[in-house]
Amino acid sequence: MSTETIQAGSTMKDVLVAYPGAQRAMFRRYHIGGCSSCGFQPTETLEQVCQRNNNLSVAEVLEHIKTSHEQDAKIMISPAELAALIAADKSVKLLDVRSRPEYEATRIAGSILMSQETVKEIMGHWPRTEQFVIIDHNGKQALDAAAYFMGHGFERVRCLRGGIDAWSVEVDSTIPRYRLA
């Protein structure tokens, strides 16, 4: 679904396809969708979710989702832009937020798997001005990690648009593509 077709009767599944960061945006402002007590079903409509959460204005919630989406877009970097950045600045760090089996199966050279130890290292020792790019499978989960680090004062966090899958298609076809079950 395109972002233009999202409306009150759209299912939350469609909202999340059009606006991958919608759940994070709704949780941040309205405490909707972040835990079992405030969650929603993919088949619920945006209007139904708003109604059962204090009759929120669908128009206001949708505007907030769109504004958050625009902010998310500003931290995305295309595979081609990342390739150029790496070529120009070898100190750029790549933080991979995929699972260990995915990382071990295929990865961008020089990337670091995010683990508890890695997060401790980043939070305790990396300068808040350190530039790093977060990589996931297809560009949807990296935004949550970026929001976490930005919320802790990191100023130069980016996300690879389309994830390692887009990197494989647009930059390095030797990186195998895969699907998650």
Protein backbone atom coordinates (compact mmCIF):
# COMPACT_ATOMS: atom_id res chain seq x y z
CA MET A 1 0.00 0.00 0.00
CA SER A 2 1.19 3.49 -0.70
CA THR A 3 1.23 6.14 1.98
CA GLU A 4 -1.46 8.07 0.12
CA THR A 5 -4.01 5.27 0.51
CA ILE A 6 -3.75 4.90 4.29
CA GLN A 7 -6.90 6.07 6.00
CA ALA A 8 -9.16 5.32 8.99
CA GLY A 9 -10.31 1.99 7.55
CA SER A 10 -6.80 0.75 6.75
CA THR A 11 -5.65 -2.29 8.71
CA MET A 12 -2.69 -1.89 11.02
CA LYS A 13 -0.85 -4.36 8.80
CA ASP A 14 -1.27 -1.94 5.87
CA VAL A 15 -0.32 1.03 8.05
CA LEU A 16 2.92 -0.72 9.05
CA VAL A 17 3.73 -1.63 5.45
CA ALA A 18 3.29 1.97 4.32
CA TYR A 19 4.93 3.45 7.43
CA PRO A 20 7.42 0.95 8.94
CA GLY A 21 8.05 3.18 11.96
CA ALA A 22 4.35 3.69 12.75
CA GLN A 23 4.29 1.38 15.76
CA ARG A 24 7.29 3.13 17.33
CA ALA A 25 5.72 6.54 16.62
CA MET A 26 2.36 5.52 18.10
CA PHE A 27 3.99 4.05 21.19
CA ARG A 28 6.15 7.12 21.77
CA ARG A 29 3.26 9.58 21.70
CA TYR A 30 0.17 7.55 22.64
CA HIS A 31 1.50 4.41 24.36
CA ILE A 32 -0.08 2.23 21.68
CA GLY A 33 1.54 -0.90 20.29
CA GLY A 34 4.61 -1.31 22.45
CA CYS A 35 3.51 -4.04 24.87
CA SER A 36 0.83 -6.65 25.42
CA SER A 37 -1.44 -4.28 27.35
CA CYS A 38 -1.47 -1.65 24.60
CA GLY A 39 -0.91 -3.83 21.53
CA PHE A 40 -3.04 -4.17 18.44
CA GLN A 41 -3.84 -6.89 15.94
CA PRO A 42 -2.70 -6.64 12.31
CA THR A 43 -6.34 -6.99 11.21
CA GLU A 44 -7.59 -4.08 13.35
CA THR A 45 -8.21 -0.84 11.52
CA LEU A 46 -6.51 2.38 12.48
CA GLU A 47 -9.93 3.72 13.42
CA GLN A 48 -10.61 0.77 15.76
CA VAL A 49 -7.25 1.22 17.46
CA CYS A 50 -7.91 4.94 17.95
CA GLN A 51 -11.43 4.31 19.28
CA ARG A 52 -10.31 1.90 21.96
CA ASN A 53 -7.51 4.23 23.01
CA ASN A 54 -9.51 7.14 24.41
CA ASN A 55 -11.20 7.94 21.08
CA LEU A 56 -8.07 9.47 19.65
CA SER A 57 -8.50 11.51 16.51
CA VAL A 58 -7.60 9.29 13.55
CA ALA A 59 -6.50 12.38 11.60
CA GLU A 60 -4.16 13.46 14.44
CA VAL A 61 -2.67 9.96 14.83
CA LEU A 62 -2.18 9.61 11.09
CA GLU A 63 -0.52 13.03 10.90
CA HIS A 64 1.83 12.03 13.72
CA ILE A 65 2.68 8.78 11.89
CA LYS A 66 3.39 10.73 8.68
CA THR A 67 5.58 13.28 10.47
CA SER A 68 7.53 10.51 12.19
CA HIS A 69 7.91 8.77 8.82
CA GLU A 70 9.41 11.94 7.34
CA GLN A 71 11.89 12.08 10.25
CA ASP A 72 12.77 8.41 9.71
CA ALA A 73 13.47 9.12 6.03
CA LYS A 74 16.09 11.71 7.01
CA ILE A 75 18.26 9.11 8.74
CA MET A 76 18.10 6.58 5.91
CA ILE A 77 21.07 6.17 3.59
CA SER A 78 20.84 4.39 0.26
CA PRO A 79 23.15 1.49 -0.54
CA ALA A 80 24.94 3.60 -3.17
CA GLU A 81 25.40 6.48 -0.70
CA LEU A 82 26.78 4.07 1.90
CA ALA A 83 29.21 2.55 -0.61
CA ALA A 84 30.47 6.04 -1.45
CA LEU A 85 30.70 6.94 2.25
CA ILE A 86 32.73 3.81 3.03
CA ALA A 87 35.04 4.50 0.08
CA ALA A 88 35.61 8.07 1.29
CA ASP A 89 35.85 7.36 5.02
CA LYS A 90 37.14 3.99 6.20
CA SER A 91 36.35 4.89 9.84
CA VAL A 92 32.57 4.65 9.33
CA LYS A 93 31.27 1.84 11.48
CA LEU A 94 28.60 -0.62 10.32
CA LEU A 95 26.42 -2.05 13.08
CA ASP A 96 24.46 -5.16 12.04
CA VAL A 97 21.29 -5.77 14.09
CA ARG A 98 20.31 -9.05 12.45
CA SER A 99 20.45 -12.37 14.28
CA ARG A 100 23.76 -14.18 14.73
CA PRO A 101 22.81 -16.93 12.21
CA GLU A 102 21.93 -14.29 9.60
CA TYR A 103 25.17 -12.41 10.30
CA GLU A 104 27.25 -15.57 10.10
CA ALA A 105 25.58 -16.58 6.83
CA THR A 106 26.29 -13.27 5.08
CA ARG A 107 27.40 -9.77 5.98
CA ILE A 108 28.92 -6.58 4.69
CA ALA A 109 32.69 -6.67 5.15
CA GLY A 110 33.75 -4.89 8.32
CA SER A 111 30.33 -4.85 9.92
CA ILE A 112 29.95 -5.50 13.65
CA LEU A 113 27.21 -7.78 15.00
CA MET A 114 25.16 -6.02 17.65
CA SER A 115 25.26 -7.96 20.89
CA GLN A 116 24.95 -7.00 24.54
CA GLU A 117 28.71 -6.60 24.70
CA THR A 118 28.69 -4.39 21.60
CA VAL A 119 25.95 -2.17 23.03
CA LYS A 120 27.92 -1.81 26.28
CA GLU A 121 31.01 -0.87 24.29
CA ILE A 122 29.08 1.68 22.21
CA MET A 123 27.29 3.24 25.18
CA GLY A 124 30.39 3.37 27.37
CA HIS A 125 33.17 4.19 24.95
CA TRP A 126 32.03 5.50 21.57
CA PRO A 127 31.93 9.28 21.24
CA ARG A 128 28.37 10.56 20.78
CA THR A 129 29.61 12.12 17.52
CA GLU A 130 30.76 8.74 16.14
CA GLN A 131 29.21 8.05 12.76
CA PHE A 132 27.72 4.62 12.28
CA VAL A 133 25.21 2.97 9.98
CA ILE A 134 22.79 0.35 11.22
CA ILE A 135 22.11 -2.62 8.97
CA ASP A 136 19.27 -5.11 9.15
CA HIS A 137 17.73 -7.53 6.68
CA ASN A 138 15.40 -5.26 4.72
CA GLY A 139 15.45 -1.83 6.33
CA LYS A 140 12.63 -2.05 8.87
CA GLN A 141 14.19 -3.02 12.20
CA ALA A 142 17.20 -0.73 11.91
CA LEU A 143 14.99 2.28 12.63
CA ASP A 144 14.19 0.97 16.11
CA ALA A 145 17.89 0.55 16.88
CA ALA A 146 18.62 4.01 15.50
CA ALA A 147 15.90 5.52 17.69
CA TYR A 148 17.48 3.84 20.71
CA PHE A 149 20.95 5.22 20.01
CA MET A 150 19.66 8.66 19.05
CA GLY A 151 17.67 8.71 22.28
CA HIS A 152 20.98 8.20 24.07
CA GLY A 153 22.60 11.18 22.40
CA PHE A 154 24.29 9.69 19.34
CA GLU A 155 24.15 12.39 16.69
CA ARG A 156 25.28 10.68 13.49
CA VAL A 157 23.30 7.45 13.29
CA ARG A 158 22.03 6.34 9.89
CA CYS A 159 20.13 3.28 8.66
CA LEU A 160 20.75 1.39 5.45
CA ARG A 161 17.62 1.82 3.33
CA GLY A 162 16.45 -1.63 2.28
CA GLY A 163 19.00 -3.35 4.52
CA ILE A 164 21.51 -5.95 3.43
CA ASP A 165 19.00 -7.17 0.86
CA ALA A 166 19.15 -3.84 -0.99
CA TRP A 167 22.96 -3.79 -0.59
CA SER A 168 23.10 -7.17 -2.36
CA VAL A 169 20.91 -5.93 -5.23
CA GLU A 170 22.41 -2.46 -5.67
CA VAL A 171 26.06 -2.67 -4.58
CA ASP A 172 27.49 -6.16 -4.05
CA SER A 173 25.79 -9.09 -5.76
CA THR A 174 28.25 -11.51 -4.12
CA ILE A 175 26.28 -11.04 -0.88
CA PRO A 176 23.61 -13.76 -0.99
CA ARG A 177 19.98 -12.70 -0.70
CA TYR A 178 17.67 -14.66 1.58
CA ARG A 179 14.14 -14.74 2.95
CA LEU A 180 13.11 -15.19 6.53
CA ALA A 181 10.43 -17.78 7.26
